[in-house]
N, C-alpha and C. Protein backbone atom coordinates (compact mmCIF):
# COMPACT_ATOMS: atom_id res chain seq x y z
N MET A 1 79.02 -185.15 -1.47
CA MET A 1 77.68 -184.48 -2.70
C MET A 1 77.94 -183.13 -3.02
N MET A 2 77.03 -182.98 -4.38
CA MET A 2 77.62 -181.37 -4.80
C MET A 2 76.02 -181.06 -5.12
N ALA A 3 75.81 -180.37 -5.02
CA ALA A 3 74.08 -179.24 -5.49
C ALA A 3 75.24 -179.35 -6.72
N GLN A 4 73.63 -180.17 -7.92
CA GLN A 4 74.01 -179.43 -9.21
C GLN A 4 72.64 -178.50 -9.91
N ILE A 5 73.46 -177.48 -10.41
CA ILE A 5 72.17 -176.30 -10.96
C ILE A 5 71.77 -176.48 -12.56
N THR A 6 70.93 -177.05 -12.92
CA THR A 6 70.57 -177.48 -14.79
C THR A 6 70.65 -175.75 -14.76
N ARG A 7 70.93 -175.68 -16.21
CA ARG A 7 70.92 -174.89 -17.23
C ARG A 7 70.07 -175.18 -18.41
N SER A 8 69.83 -174.36 -18.97
CA SER A 8 69.48 -174.77 -20.93
C SER A 8 70.73 -174.85 -21.20
N CYS A 9 71.95 -174.19 -21.43
CA CYS A 9 72.85 -174.50 -22.03
C CYS A 9 74.20 -175.55 -21.45
N GLY A 10 73.90 -176.15 -20.18
CA GLY A 10 73.92 -177.79 -19.92
C GLY A 10 74.36 -177.19 -18.04
N THR A 11 74.74 -178.15 -17.99
CA THR A 11 75.07 -178.13 -16.47
C THR A 11 75.81 -177.38 -15.86
N VAL A 12 75.69 -176.56 -14.96
CA VAL A 12 77.46 -175.58 -14.19
C VAL A 12 77.10 -176.34 -12.54
N ARG A 13 78.64 -176.92 -12.49
CA ARG A 13 78.94 -177.81 -10.95
C ARG A 13 78.75 -176.53 -9.90
N ARG A 14 78.42 -176.29 -9.10
CA ARG A 14 78.14 -175.74 -7.47
C ARG A 14 79.26 -176.22 -6.22
N ALA A 15 79.62 -175.31 -5.83
CA ALA A 15 80.49 -176.20 -4.50
C ALA A 15 80.41 -176.04 -3.32
N GLY A 16 80.48 -176.77 -2.84
CA GLY A 16 79.91 -176.77 -0.96
C GLY A 16 78.51 -177.91 -0.01
N LEU A 17 77.89 -177.64 0.82
CA LEU A 17 77.63 -178.78 1.95
C LEU A 17 75.77 -178.79 1.52
N SER A 18 75.97 -179.77 1.86
CA SER A 18 73.92 -179.96 0.85
C SER A 18 73.41 -179.16 2.80
N LEU A 19 72.35 -179.00 3.04
CA LEU A 19 71.94 -179.57 4.17
C LEU A 19 71.45 -180.58 4.86
N LEU A 20 71.22 -181.44 3.97
CA LEU A 20 71.12 -182.71 4.31
C LEU A 20 72.57 -183.69 5.38
N GLU A 21 73.88 -182.71 4.59
CA GLU A 21 74.83 -183.21 4.74
C GLU A 21 75.63 -182.75 6.20
N VAL A 22 75.35 -181.26 6.74
CA VAL A 22 75.00 -180.32 7.31
C VAL A 22 74.74 -181.43 8.69
N MET A 23 72.87 -181.95 8.09
CA MET A 23 72.47 -182.26 9.10
C MET A 23 72.89 -183.82 10.00
N LEU A 24 73.21 -184.55 9.15
CA LEU A 24 74.14 -185.76 9.08
C LEU A 24 75.38 -185.85 9.76
N SER A 25 76.60 -184.30 9.60
CA SER A 25 77.39 -184.50 10.70
C SER A 25 77.24 -184.24 12.12
N LEU A 26 75.94 -183.01 12.05
CA LEU A 26 75.74 -182.25 13.81
C LEU A 26 75.59 -183.39 13.87
N ALA A 27 74.72 -184.46 13.58
CA ALA A 27 74.52 -185.34 14.22
C ALA A 27 75.19 -186.85 14.77
N ILE A 28 75.73 -186.90 14.03
CA ILE A 28 77.17 -188.06 14.68
C ILE A 28 77.88 -187.56 15.56
N LEU A 29 77.95 -185.97 15.32
CA LEU A 29 79.38 -184.95 16.46
C LEU A 29 78.44 -185.15 17.33
N GLY A 30 77.06 -185.12 17.94
CA GLY A 30 76.16 -184.90 19.35
C GLY A 30 76.34 -187.06 19.58
N GLY A 31 76.41 -188.04 18.54
CA GLY A 31 76.57 -188.52 19.82
C GLY A 31 77.55 -189.04 19.99
N ALA A 32 78.85 -188.59 19.33
CA ALA A 32 79.91 -188.78 20.25
C ALA A 32 80.53 -188.23 20.71
N LEU A 33 79.87 -186.75 21.10
CA LEU A 33 80.26 -185.85 22.46
C LEU A 33 79.27 -186.55 23.70
N ALA A 34 77.68 -187.41 23.25
CA ALA A 34 77.52 -188.02 24.19
C ALA A 34 77.92 -189.27 25.15
N VAL A 35 78.13 -189.86 24.43
CA VAL A 35 79.15 -191.02 24.19
C VAL A 35 80.84 -190.77 25.10
N ILE A 36 81.41 -189.69 24.56
CA ILE A 36 82.53 -189.18 25.65
C ILE A 36 82.18 -188.86 27.05
N GLY A 37 81.43 -187.80 26.86
CA GLY A 37 80.37 -187.19 28.15
C GLY A 37 80.50 -188.63 28.88
N GLU A 38 79.46 -189.95 28.63
CA GLU A 38 78.95 -190.66 29.13
C GLU A 38 80.59 -191.73 29.76
N LEU A 39 81.30 -191.71 29.55
CA LEU A 39 82.21 -192.35 29.49
C LEU A 39 83.67 -191.98 30.81
N THR A 40 83.26 -190.44 30.44
CA THR A 40 83.86 -189.55 31.23
C THR A 40 83.15 -189.73 33.10
N ARG A 41 81.70 -190.19 33.60
CA ARG A 41 80.76 -190.21 34.56
C ARG A 41 81.10 -191.41 34.67
N LEU A 42 81.43 -191.91 33.65
CA LEU A 42 81.76 -193.35 34.17
C LEU A 42 83.14 -193.25 35.01
N GLY A 43 84.15 -193.15 34.53
CA GLY A 43 85.59 -193.01 34.81
C GLY A 43 84.84 -192.04 35.96
N SER A 44 85.01 -191.20 36.40
CA SER A 44 85.10 -190.39 37.61
C SER A 44 84.31 -191.03 39.30
N ARG A 45 83.35 -192.21 38.66
CA ARG A 45 82.83 -192.03 38.71
C ARG A 45 83.50 -194.04 39.51
N SER A 46 84.03 -194.68 38.94
CA SER A 46 85.33 -194.97 39.27
C SER A 46 86.24 -194.89 39.83
N ALA A 47 86.90 -193.78 40.00
CA ALA A 47 87.81 -193.06 41.10
C ALA A 47 87.35 -193.27 41.49
N GLU A 48 85.93 -192.67 42.42
CA GLU A 48 85.85 -192.46 43.48
C GLU A 48 85.50 -193.60 44.50
N ILE A 49 84.87 -194.79 43.28
CA ILE A 49 84.87 -196.45 43.82
C ILE A 49 86.45 -196.51 45.10
N ALA A 50 87.42 -196.38 43.91
CA ALA A 50 88.38 -196.71 43.95
C ALA A 50 89.09 -196.42 45.17
N ARG A 51 88.65 -194.42 45.56
CA ARG A 51 89.38 -194.37 46.49
C ARG A 51 89.23 -194.65 47.84
N ASP A 52 87.34 -195.04 47.66
CA ASP A 52 86.38 -195.85 48.74
C ASP A 52 87.17 -196.46 49.45
N GLU A 53 87.35 -197.45 48.20
CA GLU A 53 87.96 -198.84 48.49
C GLU A 53 89.68 -198.34 49.39
N THR A 54 90.40 -197.92 48.72
CA THR A 54 91.54 -197.42 49.28
C THR A 54 91.39 -197.20 50.41
N ILE A 55 90.64 -196.18 50.71
CA ILE A 55 90.56 -196.26 52.35
C ILE A 55 90.24 -196.86 53.15
N ALA A 56 89.14 -197.21 52.91
CA ALA A 56 88.09 -198.55 53.20
C ALA A 56 89.55 -200.00 54.14
N GLN A 57 90.51 -199.77 53.44
CA GLN A 57 90.96 -200.80 53.48
C GLN A 57 92.10 -200.15 54.45
N ARG A 58 92.71 -199.59 54.19
CA ARG A 58 93.88 -198.84 55.32
C ARG A 58 93.01 -199.24 56.39
N LEU A 59 91.72 -198.86 56.63
CA LEU A 59 91.19 -198.71 57.71
C LEU A 59 91.33 -199.61 58.24
N CYS A 60 91.00 -201.13 57.46
CA CYS A 60 90.83 -201.90 58.19
C CYS A 60 91.85 -202.86 58.75
N GLU A 61 92.90 -202.09 57.32
CA GLU A 61 94.95 -202.65 58.10
C GLU A 61 95.13 -201.95 59.11
N ASN A 62 94.64 -200.74 59.93
CA ASN A 62 95.09 -199.63 60.66
C ASN A 62 94.10 -200.94 62.03
N LYS A 63 93.46 -200.87 61.80
CA LYS A 63 92.12 -201.38 62.88
C LYS A 63 93.41 -203.05 63.67
N LEU A 64 93.65 -203.65 62.51
CA LEU A 64 93.91 -204.72 62.61
C LEU A 64 95.49 -204.69 63.11
N ALA A 65 96.10 -203.65 62.62
CA ALA A 65 97.74 -203.58 63.62
C ALA A 65 97.45 -203.31 65.65
N GLU A 66 96.20 -202.25 65.21
CA GLU A 66 96.13 -202.01 66.39
C GLU A 66 95.50 -203.38 67.24
N ILE A 67 94.85 -203.53 66.27
CA ILE A 67 94.39 -205.04 68.09
C ILE A 67 96.33 -206.04 68.25
N ALA A 68 96.31 -206.34 66.97
CA ALA A 68 97.81 -206.88 66.97
C ALA A 68 99.36 -207.00 67.38
N ALA A 69 99.27 -205.48 67.28
CA ALA A 69 100.04 -205.11 68.73
C ALA A 69 99.39 -205.18 69.85
N GLY A 70 98.56 -205.26 70.27
CA GLY A 70 98.30 -204.90 71.76
C GLY A 70 97.64 -203.62 71.57
N LEU A 71 97.62 -202.61 71.24
CA LEU A 71 97.39 -200.83 71.85
C LEU A 71 95.02 -201.60 71.72
N VAL A 72 94.72 -202.63 70.59
CA VAL A 72 93.49 -202.49 71.51
C VAL A 72 93.17 -203.71 71.26
N PHE A 73 92.28 -204.69 72.77
CA PHE A 73 92.11 -205.64 73.37
C PHE A 73 91.09 -205.90 72.44
N PRO A 74 91.05 -207.80 71.46
CA PRO A 74 89.95 -208.07 70.61
C PRO A 74 88.63 -207.91 71.37
N THR A 75 87.92 -207.21 71.42
CA THR A 75 86.39 -207.41 71.23
C THR A 75 85.06 -206.89 70.74
N ALA A 76 84.40 -208.08 70.44
CA ALA A 76 83.32 -207.81 68.96
C ALA A 76 83.09 -206.07 69.23
N VAL A 77 82.62 -205.03 68.34
CA VAL A 77 82.54 -204.03 68.41
C VAL A 77 81.60 -204.22 67.45
N THR A 78 80.41 -203.38 66.65
CA THR A 78 79.60 -203.39 66.57
C THR A 78 78.78 -201.94 66.12
N MET A 79 79.59 -201.85 64.41
CA MET A 79 79.33 -200.52 63.29
C MET A 79 79.62 -199.31 64.60
N ALA A 80 80.82 -199.39 65.03
CA ALA A 80 81.35 -197.81 65.77
C ALA A 80 82.08 -196.77 65.04
N PRO A 81 82.11 -195.47 64.98
CA PRO A 81 82.47 -194.57 63.96
C PRO A 81 84.67 -194.56 64.84
N VAL A 82 84.82 -194.19 63.41
CA VAL A 82 86.10 -194.74 62.95
C VAL A 82 86.89 -193.25 63.34
N GLU A 83 87.58 -193.30 64.48
CA GLU A 83 87.77 -191.82 64.79
C GLU A 83 89.21 -191.54 64.29
N GLU A 84 89.89 -192.20 63.24
CA GLU A 84 91.20 -190.62 62.81
C GLU A 84 90.62 -190.57 61.63
N LEU A 85 90.07 -190.37 60.66
CA LEU A 85 89.06 -189.32 60.52
C LEU A 85 88.40 -188.14 60.83
N GLU A 86 88.20 -187.13 60.58
CA GLU A 86 87.80 -185.89 60.20
C GLU A 86 85.74 -186.22 60.86
N ASP A 87 85.90 -186.67 59.91
CA ASP A 87 84.28 -187.14 59.26
C ASP A 87 83.55 -188.41 60.28
N GLN A 88 83.94 -188.94 61.22
CA GLN A 88 83.29 -189.44 61.93
C GLN A 88 82.49 -190.27 61.79
N ASN A 89 81.41 -189.61 61.25
CA ASN A 89 79.33 -190.63 60.80
C ASN A 89 80.01 -190.68 59.27
N GLU A 90 81.30 -190.93 58.67
CA GLU A 90 81.09 -192.01 57.23
C GLU A 90 81.38 -192.55 57.19
N TRP A 91 82.73 -193.57 57.99
CA TRP A 91 82.95 -194.50 57.99
C TRP A 91 82.44 -195.71 58.93
N LEU A 92 82.27 -196.28 59.96
CA LEU A 92 82.45 -196.94 60.41
C LEU A 92 82.67 -198.68 60.38
N TYR A 93 83.51 -199.55 61.40
CA TYR A 93 83.56 -200.94 61.49
C TYR A 93 82.98 -201.39 62.89
N THR A 94 82.76 -202.84 62.54
CA THR A 94 83.05 -203.42 63.21
C THR A 94 83.87 -204.64 63.29
N ILE A 95 84.05 -205.26 64.63
CA ILE A 95 85.26 -206.40 64.75
C ILE A 95 84.23 -207.81 65.76
N GLU A 96 84.62 -208.62 64.56
CA GLU A 96 83.93 -209.56 65.46
C GLU A 96 85.29 -210.89 65.82
N ILE A 97 84.72 -211.72 67.06
CA ILE A 97 85.97 -212.02 67.38
C ILE A 97 86.28 -214.00 67.49
N GLN A 98 86.65 -215.44 66.62
CA GLN A 98 85.75 -216.38 66.71
C GLN A 98 86.55 -217.46 67.44
N GLN A 99 86.56 -217.77 68.30
CA GLN A 99 87.71 -218.99 69.47
C GLN A 99 87.65 -220.24 67.68
N LEU A 100 88.98 -219.73 67.62
CA LEU A 100 89.36 -221.07 66.52
C LEU A 100 89.55 -222.74 67.07
N GLN A 101 89.05 -223.88 66.37
CA GLN A 101 89.41 -224.64 66.87
C GLN A 101 91.41 -225.57 67.39
N GLN A 102 91.99 -224.40 66.65
CA GLN A 102 93.60 -224.93 67.29
C GLN A 102 93.69 -223.91 68.67
N THR A 103 93.76 -224.16 69.66
CA THR A 103 94.27 -223.91 71.48
C THR A 103 95.09 -222.44 71.05
N GLY A 104 94.58 -221.93 71.01
CA GLY A 104 95.42 -220.27 71.91
C GLY A 104 95.64 -219.41 71.10
N LEU A 105 94.72 -219.64 69.30
CA LEU A 105 94.18 -219.30 68.47
C LEU A 105 92.77 -218.53 68.25
N ILE A 106 93.07 -217.42 67.95
CA ILE A 106 91.03 -216.08 67.72
C ILE A 106 91.50 -216.19 66.20
N GLY A 107 90.22 -215.90 65.62
CA GLY A 107 90.12 -214.92 64.52
C GLY A 107 89.37 -213.70 64.85
N VAL A 108 90.24 -213.11 63.69
CA VAL A 108 89.70 -211.27 63.89
C VAL A 108 89.12 -211.45 62.79
N TRP A 109 87.78 -210.60 62.86
CA TRP A 109 86.78 -209.66 61.14
C TRP A 109 86.80 -208.72 61.88
N VAL A 110 88.02 -207.61 60.40
CA VAL A 110 87.29 -206.32 60.97
C VAL A 110 86.87 -205.94 59.60
N THR A 111 85.76 -205.25 59.29
CA THR A 111 85.35 -204.68 58.92
C THR A 111 84.49 -203.29 58.85
N VAL A 112 84.88 -202.52 57.95
CA VAL A 112 84.84 -201.49 57.46
C VAL A 112 84.41 -200.87 56.23
N GLN A 113 83.52 -200.30 56.58
CA GLN A 113 82.09 -199.65 55.44
C GLN A 113 81.62 -197.94 55.59
N GLN A 114 81.17 -197.78 54.99
CA GLN A 114 80.32 -196.67 54.84
C GLN A 114 79.06 -196.46 55.34
N ASN A 115 78.65 -195.29 56.37
CA ASN A 115 77.24 -195.03 56.83
C ASN A 115 76.45 -194.87 55.59
N ALA A 116 75.91 -196.21 55.53
CA ALA A 116 74.65 -195.59 54.44
C ALA A 116 73.87 -194.61 54.12
N ASP A 117 73.76 -194.77 55.78
CA ASP A 117 72.62 -193.03 56.02
C ASP A 117 72.60 -192.07 55.05
N THR A 118 74.70 -191.76 54.79
CA THR A 118 74.47 -190.82 54.29
C THR A 118 75.48 -191.10 53.25
N ILE A 119 75.33 -192.44 52.46
CA ILE A 119 76.48 -192.63 51.25
C ILE A 119 75.12 -193.32 50.25
N SER A 120 74.85 -193.48 49.27
CA SER A 120 73.31 -194.16 48.27
C SER A 120 74.47 -194.98 48.06
N ARG A 121 75.54 -195.11 47.93
CA ARG A 121 76.45 -196.49 47.46
C ARG A 121 77.99 -197.11 47.91
N PRO A 122 76.92 -197.22 49.59
CA PRO A 122 78.90 -197.36 50.20
C PRO A 122 78.99 -199.02 50.42
N VAL A 123 80.59 -198.78 50.57
CA VAL A 123 82.11 -199.52 50.32
C VAL A 123 81.70 -199.56 52.04
N THR A 124 81.76 -201.39 51.13
CA THR A 124 83.09 -202.43 52.39
C THR A 124 83.71 -202.90 52.66
N PHE A 125 84.80 -203.20 53.49
CA PHE A 125 85.73 -203.75 53.37
C PHE A 125 86.25 -204.25 54.16
N THR A 126 86.34 -205.92 53.96
CA THR A 126 86.73 -206.96 56.01
C THR A 126 87.74 -207.80 55.46
N LEU A 127 88.74 -207.11 56.71
CA LEU A 127 90.19 -207.81 56.55
C LEU A 127 90.23 -209.26 57.59
N VAL A 128 89.89 -210.72 57.55
CA VAL A 128 90.98 -211.41 58.28
C VAL A 128 91.86 -211.94 58.63
N ARG A 129 92.16 -211.71 60.37
CA ARG A 129 93.81 -212.26 60.30
C ARG A 129 93.30 -213.35 61.91
N TRP A 130 94.18 -214.54 61.37
CA TRP A 130 94.37 -214.69 62.75
C TRP A 130 95.23 -214.64 63.74
N MET A 131 95.42 -214.72 64.81
CA MET A 131 96.63 -214.19 66.20
C MET A 131 96.58 -214.59 67.37
N ILE A 132 97.74 -214.41 67.83
CA ILE A 132 97.56 -216.07 69.50
C ILE A 132 96.22 -215.27 70.37
N ASP A 133 95.68 -216.14 70.87
CA ASP A 133 94.90 -215.54 72.10
C ASP A 133 95.01 -214.18 72.62
N PRO A 134 95.34 -213.36 73.62
CA PRO A 134 96.01 -212.69 74.68
C PRO A 134 95.37 -212.79 75.84
N GLN A 135 94.31 -213.21 75.57
CA GLN A 135 93.85 -214.92 77.19
C GLN A 135 94.90 -215.48 77.30
N SER A 136 95.04 -215.95 76.38
CA SER A 136 95.56 -217.34 76.72
C SER A 136 97.07 -217.60 76.86
N SER A 137 97.14 -216.10 76.22
CA SER A 137 99.28 -216.06 75.99
C SER A 137 99.42 -214.74 77.49
N THR A 138 98.41 -214.48 77.86
CA THR A 138 98.25 -213.89 79.46
C THR A 138 98.72 -214.34 80.26
N THR A 139 97.98 -215.51 80.05
CA THR A 139 97.91 -216.77 81.00
C THR A 139 99.07 -217.69 81.55
N THR A 140 99.44 -217.79 80.06
CA THR A 140 101.09 -218.77 80.04
C THR A 140 102.21 -217.60 80.37
N THR A 141 102.11 -216.93 79.93
CA THR A 141 103.09 -215.65 81.12
C THR A 141 102.93 -216.10 82.36
N ASP A 142 102.06 -215.73 82.78
CA ASP A 142 101.84 -215.10 83.94
C ASP A 142 101.92 -216.50 84.74
N GLU A 143 102.10 -217.38 84.27
CA GLU A 143 102.52 -218.79 84.65
C GLU A 143 103.43 -219.29 84.85
N SER A 144 104.63 -218.53 83.34
CA SER A 144 105.93 -218.70 84.09
C SER A 144 106.16 -217.74 84.67
N ALA A 145 106.08 -216.38 84.44
CA ALA A 145 106.58 -216.02 85.22
C ALA A 145 106.37 -216.15 86.89
N SER A 146 105.56 -216.96 88.04
CA SER A 146 105.04 -216.88 88.85
C SER A 146 106.49 -218.01 88.95
N GLY A 147 106.78 -219.12 88.40
CA GLY A 147 108.35 -219.80 88.64
C GLY A 147 109.38 -219.89 87.97
N ALA A 148 109.22 -218.66 87.08
CA ALA A 148 110.63 -217.66 87.31
C ALA A 148 111.56 -216.66 87.59
N THR A 149 112.83 -216.00 86.75
CA THR A 149 113.32 -215.02 87.44
C THR A 149 113.03 -213.92 86.93
N GLY A 150 112.88 -212.75 87.24
CA GLY A 150 112.77 -211.63 86.58
C GLY A 150 112.77 -211.53 85.11
N SER A 151 113.80 -211.82 84.62
CA SER A 151 114.68 -211.15 83.63
C SER A 151 113.92 -212.68 82.19
N THR A 152 113.75 -213.55 82.81
CA THR A 152 113.31 -214.81 82.08
C THR A 152 112.07 -213.81 82.00
N SER A 153 110.92 -213.82 82.95
CA SER A 153 110.13 -213.18 82.75
C SER A 153 109.17 -212.03 81.70
N SER A 154 111.15 -211.17 81.43
CA SER A 154 110.34 -209.97 80.90
C SER A 154 110.73 -210.81 79.27
N THR A 155 111.91 -211.76 78.92
CA THR A 155 111.95 -212.04 77.82
C THR A 155 110.35 -212.71 77.66
N SER A 156 110.22 -214.09 77.75
CA SER A 156 108.87 -214.31 77.60
C SER A 156 107.91 -213.58 77.08
N SER A 157 107.63 -211.99 78.08
CA SER A 157 106.64 -211.60 77.49
C SER A 157 106.95 -211.02 76.02
N GLY A 158 107.74 -210.18 75.79
CA GLY A 158 108.62 -209.69 75.02
C GLY A 158 108.26 -210.82 73.72
N SER A 159 109.05 -212.08 74.05
CA SER A 159 108.35 -212.47 73.06
C SER A 159 107.10 -213.13 72.60
N THR A 160 106.28 -213.12 73.60
CA THR A 160 104.72 -213.16 73.51
C THR A 160 104.09 -212.20 72.67
N GLY A 161 104.17 -210.47 72.62
CA GLY A 161 103.95 -209.87 71.92
C GLY A 161 104.55 -209.40 70.34
N SER A 162 105.68 -210.22 70.26
CA SER A 162 106.48 -210.73 69.10
C SER A 162 105.42 -211.43 68.37
N SER A 163 105.64 -211.82 68.64
CA SER A 163 104.57 -213.78 67.19
C SER A 163 103.40 -213.04 68.21
N ALA A 164 101.90 -212.15 68.90
CA ALA A 164 100.95 -211.79 68.15
C ALA A 164 100.72 -210.39 67.27
N ALA A 165 102.07 -210.59 67.30
CA ALA A 165 101.88 -209.09 66.22
C ALA A 165 101.89 -209.52 64.74
N THR A 166 102.87 -210.61 64.71
CA THR A 166 103.16 -210.71 63.58
C THR A 166 101.88 -212.76 63.18
N GLY A 167 101.50 -212.26 63.96
CA GLY A 167 100.26 -212.91 63.10
C GLY A 167 99.41 -212.63 62.23
N GLY A 168 99.58 -214.54 61.19
CA GLY A 168 98.82 -214.11 59.67
C GLY A 168 97.82 -213.17 59.73
N SER A 169 97.99 -213.20 57.67
CA SER A 169 96.25 -212.51 57.58
C SER A 169 95.26 -213.43 56.53
């Protein structure tokens, strides 16, 4: 809009912005900045959640791999701190063991979560794997070792270890 000044001899046009135009443009700019700020906040929060979920998934996979490899015996654990991190109070893990209907198999549930006392919105991640029950495979290996030679016993326990490590997830 152009401001107009009326004179007795005619109309003279003046170039420039009116106060209304300036106020309207500032309101649009302020609204756009508010929306961009909110989108930035949401994006950074989503990035934090994705990072925490990735950490939780990695910790679950590590704990299941330790159990499958035989480094950790599959026993029930509730809310134990994760030892491999610097801040051990931030992440907790739970292990649940369930006997399956299939003889010699167990279901292992590993849940990793952030400590709800220190984090306002904790992330939780759970992985499940069916694997050979180490107690049943140990009994089978001991029985086969008692009636076999030393080399057969070694081969038998080696194959038992590898099949336990390849349990499906």
